[in-house]
C-alpha atoms as a PDB file:
ATOM      1  CA  MET A   1     -20.298 -19.936 -91.870  1.00  0.00           C
ATOM      2  CA  VAL A   2     -18.294 -17.781 -89.484  1.00  0.00           C
ATOM      3  CA  GLY A   3     -17.078 -14.568 -91.046  1.00  0.00           C
ATOM      4  CA  ARG A   4     -13.626 -13.084 -90.740  1.00  0.00           C
ATOM      5  CA  PRO A   5     -13.018 -11.005 -87.602  1.00  0.00           C
ATOM      6  CA  THR A   6     -13.283  -7.293 -88.114  1.00  0.00           C
ATOM      7  CA  ARG A   7     -10.295  -4.977 -87.973  1.00  0.00           C
ATOM      8  CA  GLY A   8     -11.519  -3.501 -84.706  1.00  0.00           C
ATOM      9  CA  TYR A   9     -11.772  -6.951 -83.140  1.00  0.00           C
ATOM     10  CA  ARG A  10      -8.233  -7.828 -84.246  1.00  0.00           C
ATOM     11  CA  VAL A  11      -6.938  -4.590 -82.750  1.00  0.00           C
ATOM     12  CA  PHE A  12      -8.776  -5.430 -79.521  1.00  0.00           C
ATOM     13  CA  GLN A  13      -7.164  -8.897 -79.438  1.00  0.00           C
ATOM     14  CA  VAL A  14      -3.690  -7.448 -79.910  1.00  0.00           C
ATOM     15  CA  CYS A  15      -4.190  -4.802 -77.226  1.00  0.00           C
ATOM     16  CA  ASN A  16      -5.745  -7.354 -74.874  1.00  0.00           C
ATOM     17  CA  THR A  17      -2.810  -9.737 -75.378  1.00  0.00           C
ATOM     18  CA  ILE A  18      -0.257  -6.996 -74.735  1.00  0.00           C
ATOM     19  CA  ILE A  19      -2.005  -5.768 -71.591  1.00  0.00           C
ATOM     20  CA  LEU A  20      -2.465  -9.269 -70.144  1.00  0.00           C
ATOM     21  CA  THR A  21       1.156 -10.122 -70.933  1.00  0.00           C
ATOM     22  CA  LEU A  22       2.316  -7.029 -69.049  1.00  0.00           C
ATOM     23  CA  VAL A  23       0.079  -7.986 -66.098  1.00  0.00           C
ATOM     24  CA  VAL A  24       1.551 -11.504 -66.035  1.00  0.00           C
ATOM     25  CA  VAL A  25       5.111 -10.141 -66.175  1.00  0.00           C
ATOM     26  CA  ALA A  26       4.394  -7.637 -63.405  1.00  0.00           C
ATOM     27  CA  THR A  27       2.894 -10.434 -61.294  1.00  0.00           C
ATOM     28  CA  LEU A  28       5.598 -13.033 -61.871  1.00  0.00           C
ATOM     29  CA  TYR A  29       8.663 -10.788 -61.661  1.00  0.00           C
ATOM     30  CA  PRO A  30       8.596 -10.280 -57.853  1.00  0.00           C
ATOM     31  CA  LEU A  31       8.105 -14.014 -57.271  1.00  0.00           C
ATOM     32  CA  VAL A  32      10.919 -15.041 -59.620  1.00  0.00           C
ATOM     33  CA  ASN A  33      13.160 -12.351 -58.116  1.00  0.00           C
ATOM     34  CA  ILE A  34      12.510 -13.649 -54.584  1.00  0.00           C
ATOM     35  CA  VAL A  35      13.367 -17.210 -55.669  1.00  0.00           C
ATOM     36  CA  ALA A  36      16.543 -15.990 -57.371  1.00  0.00           C
ATOM     37  CA  ARG A  37      17.603 -14.036 -54.278  1.00  0.00           C
ATOM     38  CA  SER A  38      17.006 -17.042 -52.052  1.00  0.00           C
ATOM     39  CA  PHE A  39      19.621 -19.021 -54.010  1.00  0.00           C
ATOM     40  CA  SER A  40      22.106 -16.171 -54.496  1.00  0.00           C
ATOM     41  CA  GLY A  41      25.311 -15.210 -52.694  1.00  0.00           C
ATOM     42  CA  GLU A  42      25.564 -12.411 -50.174  1.00  0.00           C
ATOM     43  CA  GLY A  43      27.811 -10.174 -52.293  1.00  0.00           C
ATOM     44  CA  TYR A  44      25.562 -10.247 -55.339  1.00  0.00           C
ATOM     45  CA  ILE A  45      22.457  -9.536 -53.245  1.00  0.00           C
ATOM     46  CA  ASN A  46      24.016  -6.596 -51.408  1.00  0.00           C
ATOM     47  CA  ALA A  47      25.278  -5.204 -54.714  1.00  0.00           C
ATOM     48  CA  GLY A  48      21.777  -5.391 -56.207  1.00  0.00           C
ATOM     49  CA  GLN A  49      22.935  -7.665 -59.044  1.00  0.00           C
ATOM     50  CA  VAL A  50      20.250 -10.360 -58.655  1.00  0.00           C
ATOM     51  CA  ASN A  51      17.215 -10.103 -60.938  1.00  0.00           C
ATOM     52  CA  LEU A  52      15.740 -13.266 -62.442  1.00  0.00           C
ATOM     53  CA  ILE A  53      18.705 -15.654 -62.270  1.00  0.00           C
ATOM     54  CA  PRO A  54      20.547 -16.660 -59.069  1.00  0.00           C
ATOM     55  CA  ARG A  55      24.145 -15.475 -58.814  1.00  0.00           C
ATOM     56  CA  GLY A  56      26.745 -17.036 -56.538  1.00  0.00           C
ATOM     57  CA  PHE A  57      24.526 -20.080 -56.044  1.00  0.00           C
ATOM     58  CA  ASN A  58      24.202 -21.251 -52.430  1.00  0.00           C
ATOM     59  CA  ILE A  59      21.779 -23.234 -50.319  1.00  0.00           C
ATOM     60  CA  LYS A  60      23.295 -22.589 -46.882  1.00  0.00           C
ATOM     61  CA  THR A  61      20.370 -20.506 -45.721  1.00  0.00           C
ATOM     62  CA  TYR A  62      17.871 -23.145 -46.889  1.00  0.00           C
ATOM     63  CA  LYS A  63      19.740 -25.786 -44.898  1.00  0.00           C
ATOM     64  CA  ALA A  64      19.832 -23.629 -41.792  1.00  0.00           C
ATOM     65  CA  VAL A  65      16.147 -22.659 -41.915  1.00  0.00           C
ATOM     66  CA  LEU A  66      15.070 -26.240 -42.614  1.00  0.00           C
ATOM     67  CA  HIS A  67      17.068 -27.381 -39.582  1.00  0.00           C
ATOM     68  CA  ASP A  68      15.546 -24.709 -37.343  1.00  0.00           C
ATOM     69  CA  SER A  69      13.066 -26.337 -34.954  1.00  0.00           C
ATOM     70  CA  THR A  70      11.243 -23.037 -34.400  1.00  0.00           C
ATOM     71  CA  PHE A  71      10.490 -22.757 -38.104  1.00  0.00           C
ATOM     72  CA  TRP A  72       8.956 -26.239 -38.216  1.00  0.00           C
ATOM     73  CA  THR A  73       6.956 -25.652 -35.029  1.00  0.00           C
ATOM     74  CA  ASP A  74       5.493 -22.486 -36.517  1.00  0.00           C
ATOM     75  CA  TYR A  75       4.931 -24.267 -39.823  1.00  0.00           C
ATOM     76  CA  GLY A  76       2.968 -26.996 -38.082  1.00  0.00           C
ATOM     77  CA  ASN A  77       0.921 -24.373 -36.250  1.00  0.00           C
ATOM     78  CA  THR A  78       0.063 -22.707 -39.562  1.00  0.00           C
ATOM     79  CA  VAL A  79      -1.075 -26.009 -41.069  1.00  0.00           C
ATOM     80  CA  LEU A  80      -3.274 -26.662 -38.029  1.00  0.00           C
ATOM     81  CA  TYR A  81      -4.779 -23.178 -38.026  1.00  0.00           C
ATOM     82  CA  THR A  82      -5.438 -23.325 -41.765  1.00  0.00           C
ATOM     83  CA  VAL A  83      -7.090 -26.753 -41.738  1.00  0.00           C
ATOM     84  CA  VAL A  84      -9.264 -26.084 -38.683  1.00  0.00           C
ATOM     85  CA  GLY A  85     -10.121 -22.531 -39.725  1.00  0.00           C
ATOM     86  CA  THR A  86     -11.007 -23.508 -43.282  1.00  0.00           C
ATOM     87  CA  ALA A  87     -13.209 -26.384 -42.103  1.00  0.00           C
ATOM     88  CA  ILE A  88     -15.099 -24.173 -39.634  1.00  0.00           C
ATOM     89  CA  SER A  89     -15.483 -21.374 -42.185  1.00  0.00           C
ATOM     90  CA  LEU A  90     -16.803 -23.716 -44.871  1.00  0.00           C
ATOM     91  CA  VAL A  91     -19.404 -25.233 -42.539  1.00  0.00           C
ATOM     92  CA  LEU A  92     -20.636 -21.874 -41.241  1.00  0.00           C
ATOM     93  CA  THR A  93     -20.582 -20.137 -44.633  1.00  0.00           C
ATOM     94  CA  THR A  94     -22.351 -23.021 -46.382  1.00  0.00           C
ATOM     95  CA  CYS A  95     -25.106 -23.252 -43.757  1.00  0.00           C
ATOM     96  CA  TYR A  96     -25.640 -19.488 -43.649  1.00  0.00           C
ATOM     97  CA  ALA A  97     -25.641 -19.173 -47.454  1.00  0.00           C
ATOM     98  CA  TYR A  98     -28.067 -22.070 -47.873  1.00  0.00           C
ATOM     99  CA  VAL A  99     -30.490 -20.470 -45.425  1.00  0.00           C
ATOM    100  CA  LEU A 100     -30.250 -17.076 -47.132  1.00  0.00           C
ATOM    101  CA  SER A 101     -30.901 -18.664 -50.537  1.00  0.00           C
ATOM    102  CA  LYS A 102     -34.486 -19.497 -49.480  1.00  0.00           C
ATOM    103  CA  ARG A 103     -36.581 -16.612 -50.781  1.00  0.00           C
ATOM    104  CA  ASN A 104     -39.582 -17.530 -48.624  1.00  0.00           C
ATOM    105  CA  LEU A 105     -37.585 -17.483 -45.386  1.00  0.00           C
ATOM    106  CA  ARG A 106     -38.980 -15.123 -42.751  1.00  0.00           C
ATOM    107  CA  GLY A 107     -36.426 -12.512 -41.753  1.00  0.00           C
ATOM    108  CA  ARG A 108     -34.265 -13.227 -44.788  1.00  0.00           C
ATOM    109  CA  THR A 109     -33.819  -9.535 -45.597  1.00  0.00           C
ATOM    110  CA  PHE A 110     -32.730  -8.821 -42.031  1.00  0.00           C
ATOM    111  CA  LEU A 111     -30.193 -11.668 -42.040  1.00  0.00           C
ATOM    112  CA  VAL A 112     -28.732 -10.500 -45.351  1.00  0.00           C
ATOM    113  CA  GLY A 113     -28.580  -6.961 -43.998  1.00  0.00           C
ATOM    114  CA  VAL A 114     -26.714  -8.078 -40.889  1.00  0.00           C
ATOM    115  CA  ALA A 115     -24.104  -9.825 -43.054  1.00  0.00           C
ATOM    116  CA  VAL A 116     -23.691  -6.909 -45.457  1.00  0.00           C
ATOM    117  CA  PHE A 117     -23.505  -4.408 -42.583  1.00  0.00           C
ATOM    118  CA  THR A 118     -20.340  -6.090 -41.303  1.00  0.00           C
ATOM    119  CA  MET A 119     -18.633  -5.474 -44.650  1.00  0.00           C
ATOM    120  CA  PHE A 120     -18.649  -1.736 -44.002  1.00  0.00           C
ATOM    121  CA  PHE A 121     -18.644  -1.407 -40.214  1.00  0.00           C
ATOM    122  CA  SER A 122     -16.798  -3.206 -37.434  1.00  0.00           C
ATOM    123  CA  GLY A 123     -16.323  -2.787 -33.719  1.00  0.00           C
ATOM    124  CA  GLY A 124     -12.724  -1.688 -34.084  1.00  0.00           C
ATOM    125  CA  LEU A 125      -9.405  -3.120 -33.000  1.00  0.00           C
ATOM    126  CA  ILE A 126      -9.609  -2.400 -29.266  1.00  0.00           C
ATOM    127  CA  PRO A 127     -13.190  -3.700 -28.759  1.00  0.00           C
ATOM    128  CA  ASN A 128     -12.250  -6.856 -30.696  1.00  0.00           C
ATOM    129  CA  TYR A 129      -9.195  -7.365 -28.507  1.00  0.00           C
ATOM    130  CA  LEU A 130     -11.228  -6.859 -25.340  1.00  0.00           C
ATOM    131  CA  LEU A 131     -13.875  -9.276 -26.613  1.00  0.00           C
ATOM    132  CA  ILE A 132     -11.357 -12.023 -27.423  1.00  0.00           C
ATOM    133  CA  SER A 133      -9.663 -11.514 -24.061  1.00  0.00           C
ATOM    134  CA  GLY A 134     -12.975 -11.474 -22.221  1.00  0.00           C
ATOM    135  CA  LEU A 135     -13.989 -14.770 -23.809  1.00  0.00           C
ATOM    136  CA  GLY A 136     -10.716 -16.343 -22.684  1.00  0.00           C
ATOM    137  CA  MET A 137      -9.560 -17.114 -26.209  1.00  0.00           C
ATOM    138  CA  ARG A 138      -6.148 -15.432 -26.078  1.00  0.00           C
ATOM    139  CA  ASN A 139      -3.273 -17.853 -26.674  1.00  0.00           C
ATOM    140  CA  THR A 140      -5.645 -20.388 -28.216  1.00  0.00           C
ATOM    141  CA  ILE A 141      -6.398 -21.455 -31.768  1.00  0.00           C
ATOM    142  CA  TRP A 142      -9.931 -20.059 -31.438  1.00  0.00           C
ATOM    143  CA  SER A 143      -8.697 -16.481 -31.351  1.00  0.00           C
ATOM    144  CA  LEU A 144      -7.450 -16.974 -34.913  1.00  0.00           C
ATOM    145  CA  VAL A 145     -10.140 -19.116 -36.536  1.00  0.00           C
ATOM    146  CA  LEU A 146     -13.403 -17.832 -35.038  1.00  0.00           C
ATOM    147  CA  PRO A 147     -13.323 -14.007 -35.451  1.00  0.00           C
ATOM    148  CA  ASN A 148     -12.891 -14.320 -39.235  1.00  0.00           C
ATOM    149  CA  ALA A 149     -14.860 -17.521 -39.694  1.00  0.00           C
ATOM    150  CA  ILE A 150     -17.308 -16.041 -42.219  1.00  0.00           C
ATOM    151  CA  SER A 151     -16.243 -13.858 -45.125  1.00  0.00           C
ATOM    152  CA  VAL A 152     -19.267 -11.877 -46.317  1.00  0.00           C
ATOM    153  CA  PHE A 153     -17.973 -11.866 -49.892  1.00  0.00           C
ATOM    154  CA  ASN A 154     -17.715 -15.659 -49.888  1.00  0.00           C
ATOM    155  CA  LEU A 155     -21.116 -15.865 -48.214  1.00  0.00           C
ATOM    156  CA  LEU A 156     -22.807 -13.810 -50.939  1.00  0.00           C
ATOM    157  CA  VAL A 157     -21.117 -15.825 -53.712  1.00  0.00           C
ATOM    158  CA  MET A 158     -22.343 -19.097 -52.213  1.00  0.00           C
ATOM    159  CA  LYS A 159     -25.802 -17.636 -51.632  1.00  0.00           C
ATOM    160  CA  SER A 160     -26.083 -16.653 -55.304  1.00  0.00           C
ATOM    161  CA  PHE A 161     -24.881 -20.106 -56.334  1.00  0.00           C
ATOM    162  CA  PHE A 162     -27.508 -21.873 -54.236  1.00  0.00           C
ATOM    163  CA  GLU A 163     -30.229 -19.527 -55.520  1.00  0.00           C
ATOM    164  CA  GLY A 164     -29.359 -20.552 -59.069  1.00  0.00           C
ATOM    165  CA  MET A 165     -29.924 -24.261 -58.449  1.00  0.00           C
ATOM    166  CA  PRO A 166     -33.178 -25.745 -59.824  1.00  0.00           C
ATOM    167  CA  THR A 167     -35.869 -25.764 -57.151  1.00  0.00           C
ATOM    168  CA  GLU A 168     -37.261 -28.962 -58.669  1.00  0.00           C
ATOM    169  CA  LEU A 169     -34.336 -30.909 -57.223  1.00  0.00           C
ATOM    170  CA  GLU A 170     -35.194 -29.963 -53.674  1.00  0.00           C
ATOM    171  CA  GLU A 171     -38.887 -30.493 -54.265  1.00  0.00           C
ATOM    172  CA  ALA A 172     -38.174 -34.014 -55.537  1.00  0.00           C
ATOM    173  CA  ALA A 173     -35.955 -34.661 -52.512  1.00  0.00           C
ATOM    174  CA  ALA A 174     -38.749 -33.527 -50.183  1.00  0.00           C
ATOM    175  CA  ILE A 175     -41.208 -35.869 -51.914  1.00  0.00           C
ATOM    176  CA  ASP A 176     -38.735 -38.719 -51.379  1.00  0.00           C
ATOM    177  CA  GLY A 177     -38.771 -37.955 -47.662  1.00  0.00           C
ATOM    178  CA  LEU A 178     -35.464 -36.112 -47.232  1.00  0.00           C
ATOM    179  CA  SER A 179     -35.283 -33.486 -44.511  1.00  0.00           C
ATOM    180  CA  THR A 180     -33.750 -30.061 -45.036  1.00  0.00           C
ATOM    181  CA  TYR A 181     -30.404 -31.299 -43.754  1.00  0.00           C
ATOM    182  CA  GLY A 182     -30.631 -34.434 -45.882  1.00  0.00           C
ATOM    183  CA  THR A 183     -31.336 -32.356 -48.962  1.00  0.00           C
ATOM    184  CA  LEU A 184     -28.358 -30.130 -48.245  1.00  0.00           C
ATOM    185  CA  LEU A 185     -25.966 -33.025 -47.599  1.00  0.00           C
ATOM    186  CA  ARG A 186     -27.138 -35.461 -50.275  1.00  0.00           C
ATOM    187  CA  ILE A 187     -28.401 -33.230 -53.075  1.00  0.00           C
ATOM    188  CA  VAL A 188     -27.092 -29.673 -52.839  1.00  0.00           C
ATOM    189  CA  LEU A 189     -23.498 -30.168 -51.701  1.00  0.00           C
ATOM    190  CA  PRO A 190     -22.595 -32.867 -54.272  1.00  0.00           C
ATOM    191  CA  LEU A 191     -23.735 -30.443 -56.988  1.00  0.00           C
ATOM    192  CA  SER A 192     -21.758 -27.561 -55.496  1.00  0.00           C
ATOM    193  CA  LYS A 193     -18.208 -28.886 -55.836  1.00  0.00           C
ATOM    194  CA  ALA A 194     -17.063 -25.923 -57.929  1.00  0.00           C
ATOM    195  CA  VAL A 195     -18.101 -23.214 -55.496  1.00  0.00           C
ATOM    196  CA  ILE A 196     -16.991 -25.251 -52.456  1.00  0.00           C
ATOM    197  CA  ALA A 197     -13.532 -25.789 -53.973  1.00  0.00           C
ATOM    198  CA  THR A 198     -13.318 -22.068 -54.695  1.00  0.00           C
ATOM    199  CA  MET A 199     -14.334 -21.111 -51.171  1.00  0.00           C
ATOM    200  CA  THR A 200     -11.855 -23.646 -49.774  1.00  0.00           C
ATOM    201  CA  LEU A 201      -9.069 -21.967 -51.708  1.00  0.00           C
ATOM    202  CA  PHE A 202     -10.147 -18.480 -50.608  1.00  0.00           C
ATOM    203  CA  TYR A 203     -10.345 -19.413 -46.941  1.00  0.00           C
ATOM    204  CA  ALA A 204      -7.174 -21.516 -46.935  1.00  0.00           C
ATOM    205  CA  VAL A 205      -5.114 -18.723 -48.499  1.00  0.00           C
ATOM    206  CA  SER A 206      -6.570 -16.214 -46.050  1.00  0.00           C
ATOM    207  CA  PHE A 207      -5.754 -18.301 -42.975  1.00  0.00           C
ATOM    208  CA  TRP A 208      -2.347 -19.333 -44.319  1.00  0.00           C
ATOM    209  CA  ASN A 209      -1.247 -15.739 -44.938  1.00  0.00           C
ATOM    210  CA  SER A 210      -2.767 -14.262 -41.788  1.00  0.00           C
ATOM    211  CA  TRP A 211      -0.354 -12.954 -39.153  1.00  0.00           C
ATOM    212  CA  PHE A 212      -1.970  -9.906 -37.561  1.00  0.00           C
ATOM    213  CA  GLY A 213      -4.419 -11.918 -35.468  1.00  0.00           C
ATOM    214  CA  ALA A 214      -1.576 -14.023 -34.100  1.00  0.00           C
ATOM    215  CA  PHE A 215       0.434 -10.860 -33.450  1.00  0.00           C
ATOM    216  CA  LEU A 216      -2.440  -9.501 -31.343  1.00  0.00           C
ATOM    217  CA  TYR A 217      -3.734 -12.545 -29.507  1.00  0.00           C
ATOM    218  CA  LEU A 218      -0.759 -14.909 -29.105  1.00  0.00           C
ATOM    219  CA  ASP A 219       2.032 -14.339 -26.567  1.00  0.00           C
ATOM    220  CA  ARG A 220       3.532 -17.815 -26.489  1.00  0.00           C
ATOM    221  CA  PRO A 221       6.214 -18.385 -29.179  1.00  0.00           C
ATOM    222  CA  ASN A 222       5.311 -22.070 -29.462  1.00  0.00           C
ATOM    223  CA  LEU A 223       1.878 -21.016 -30.797  1.00  0.00           C
ATOM    224  CA  PHE A 224       3.110 -18.615 -33.493  1.00  0.00           C
ATOM    225  CA  PRO A 225       2.254 -19.326 -37.155  1.00  0.00           C
ATOM    226  CA  VAL A 226       5.010 -19.317 -39.752  1.00  0.00           C
ATOM    227  CA  THR A 227       3.839 -15.964 -41.121  1.00  0.00           C
ATOM    228  CA  LEU A 228       4.610 -14.387 -37.736  1.00  0.00           C
ATOM    229  CA  TYR A 229       8.019 -16.070 -37.851  1.00  0.00           C
ATOM    230  CA  LEU A 230       8.557 -14.363 -41.199  1.00  0.00           C
ATOM    231  CA  ARG A 231       7.211 -11.061 -39.905  1.00  0.00           C
ATOM    232  CA  ASN A 232       9.640 -11.151 -36.992  1.00  0.00           C
ATOM    233  CA  LEU A 233      12.532 -11.768 -39.363  1.00  0.00           C
ATOM    234  CA  ILE A 234      11.528  -8.850 -41.547  1.00  0.00           C
ATOM    235  CA  ALA A 235      10.957  -6.560 -38.562  1.00  0.00           C
ATOM    236  CA  GLY A 236      14.282  -7.584 -37.044  1.00  0.00           C
ATOM    237  CA  ALA A 237      12.699  -9.050 -33.920  1.00  0.00           C
ATOM    238  CA  SER A 238      14.717 -12.207 -34.563  1.00  0.00           C
ATOM    239  CA  GLY A 239      17.790 -12.521 -36.694  1.00  0.00           C
ATOM    240  CA  THR A 240      20.254 -14.935 -38.161  1.00  0.00           C
ATOM    241  CA  GLY A 241      21.335 -16.091 -34.733  1.00  0.00           C
ATOM    242  CA  SER A 242      17.937 -17.702 -34.202  1.00  0.00           C
ATOM    243  CA  VAL A 243      18.576 -20.128 -37.053  1.00  0.00           C
ATOM    244  CA  GLY A 244      22.069 -21.147 -36.028  1.00  0.00           C
ATOM    245  CA  PHE A 245      24.345 -18.959 -38.188  1.00  0.00           C
ATOM    246  CA  THR A 246      27.774 -17.754 -37.066  1.00  0.00           C
ATOM    247  CA  GLY A 247      30.651 -15.945 -38.719  1.00  0.00           C
ATOM    248  CA  SER A 248      30.574 -15.536 -42.507  1.00  0.00           C
ATOM    249  CA  ASP A 249      27.479 -17.722 -42.748  1.00  0.00           C
ATOM    250  CA  ALA A 250      25.596 -15.185 -40.617  1.00  0.00           C
ATOM    251  CA  ALA A 251      26.310 -12.464 -43.185  1.00  0.00           C
ATOM    252  CA  GLN A 252      25.059 -14.731 -45.965  1.00  0.00           C
ATOM    253  CA  ALA A 253      21.882 -15.538 -44.032  1.00  0.00           C
ATOM    254  CA  ALA A 254      21.210 -11.886 -43.283  1.00  0.00           C
ATOM    255  CA  ALA A 255      21.249 -11.182 -47.023  1.00  0.00           C
ATOM    256  CA  ASN A 256      18.664 -13.737 -48.124  1.00  0.00           C
ATOM    257  CA  ILE A 257      16.959 -15.331 -45.117  1.00  0.00           C
ATOM    258  CA  GLN A 258      13.778 -13.344 -45.752  1.00  0.00           C
ATOM    259  CA  SER A 259      13.669 -14.565 -49.359  1.00  0.00           C
ATOM    260  CA  VAL A 260      14.239 -18.156 -48.275  1.00  0.00           C
ATOM    261  CA  THR A 261      11.449 -17.990 -45.692  1.00  0.00           C
ATOM    262  CA  ILE A 262       9.048 -16.382 -48.173  1.00  0.00           C
ATOM    263  CA  VAL A 263       9.703 -19.161 -50.691  1.00  0.00           C
ATOM    264  CA  LEU A 264       9.203 -21.914 -48.112  1.00  0.00           C
ATOM    265  CA  THR A 265       6.017 -20.252 -46.863  1.00  0.00           C
ATOM    266  CA  THR A 266       4.568 -19.887 -50.358  1.00  0.00           C
ATOM    267  CA  ILE A 267       5.254 -23.423 -51.614  1.00  0.00           C
ATOM    268  CA  PRO A 268       2.181 -25.144 -50.045  1.00  0.00           C
ATOM    269  CA  ILE A 269      -0.286 -22.680 -51.612  1.00  0.00           C
ATOM    270  CA  LEU A 270       1.427 -22.990 -54.997  1.00  0.00           C
ATOM    271  CA  ALA A 271       1.263 -26.784 -54.676  1.00  0.00           C
ATOM    272  CA  VAL A 272      -2.440 -26.836 -53.793  1.00  0.00           C
ATOM    273  CA  TYR A 273      -3.647 -24.314 -56.358  1.00  0.00           C
ATOM    274  CA  PRO A 274      -3.274 -26.544 -59.488  1.00  0.00           C
ATOM    275  CA  PHE A 275      -5.669 -29.076 -57.965  1.00  0.00           C
ATOM    276  CA  VAL A 276      -8.471 -26.547 -57.446  1.00  0.00           C
ATOM    277  CA  GLN A 277      -7.863 -24.024 -60.216  1.00  0.00           C
ATOM    278  CA  ARG A 278     -10.157 -25.892 -62.635  1.00  0.00           C
ATOM    279  CA  TYR A 279     -13.029 -25.111 -60.278  1.00  0.00           C
ATOM    280  CA  PHE A 280     -11.907 -21.561 -59.592  1.00  0.00           C
ATOM    281  CA  VAL A 281     -13.327 -19.622 -62.549  1.00  0.00           C
ATOM    282  CA  SER A 282     -16.570 -21.612 -62.779  1.00  0.00           C
ATOM    283  CA  GLY A 283     -17.150 -21.400 -59.031  1.00  0.00           C
ATOM    284  CA  VAL A 284     -16.751 -17.634 -58.854  1.00  0.00           C
ATOM    285  CA  MET A 285     -18.568 -16.840 -62.113  1.00  0.00           C
ATOM    286  CA  ILE A 286     -21.542 -19.105 -61.458  1.00  0.00           C
ATOM    287  CA  GLY A 287     -21.926 -17.787 -57.920  1.00  0.00           C
ATOM    288  CA  ALA A 288     -21.514 -14.178 -59.018  1.00  0.00           C
ATOM    289  CA  VAL A 289     -23.779 -14.219 -62.076  1.00  0.00           C
ATOM    290  CA  LYS A 290     -26.720 -16.380 -61.061  1.00  0.00           C
ATOM    291  CA  GLY A 291     -29.527 -15.147 -58.856  1.00  0.00           C
END
């Protein structure tokens, strides 16, 4: 029979609930405020009267941005970069992590050390730029997806996950005649859906939100991702004229075009997350705790 919770435990629950509620409010408030501003009128925004509810409801800026061909070109570029980059990163991270999970592998300690070393030291911005330029990857998709193809944090999580899998499974697969690659593809990966879904989310969000690499390595506007489009709006490099506003509509757009673009940029990640969130906690915790 389970006893009644102690007074200290009840106090802990109350404090924990209050703290987590405050964290949720602090996290959601900026997002809700951005959405409210994106649907609000110019006067209310400039007067600082928009908090959680839109005031002076309008959708003119949404219509203008959605009819801007540059926005959709950059949006398509972002989708392409995210899909290709995530696929490459998953393949490389999975293969590297699977190799490192073999405790009897010669040179394993060295390979782990090389990966961990890059978490604390890098060549620097200028050497990286010279390297990308020297390899002829400027103004190509490869300048965005290859330099950050492997996240060491994700690599170590996957490595720990693979180390925690029963060795008997692979031994049985070897007895049945499967090669190392066959074991990975037919035994290990089907049992690793949780960690793979988690890594997919991590990499996809990283590539989707990335803009600095494009800022450095891309000179052609038709190759820009949508995050660079947003960055240019915020920095003032392009303004309301680029999305077809004139007269009073231009003033309205100037007030909330950044909010509108942020909302439109965030929607795909918010739409994808519910489909992978059930794997999220288990994938991270299993990979972080085991091994």
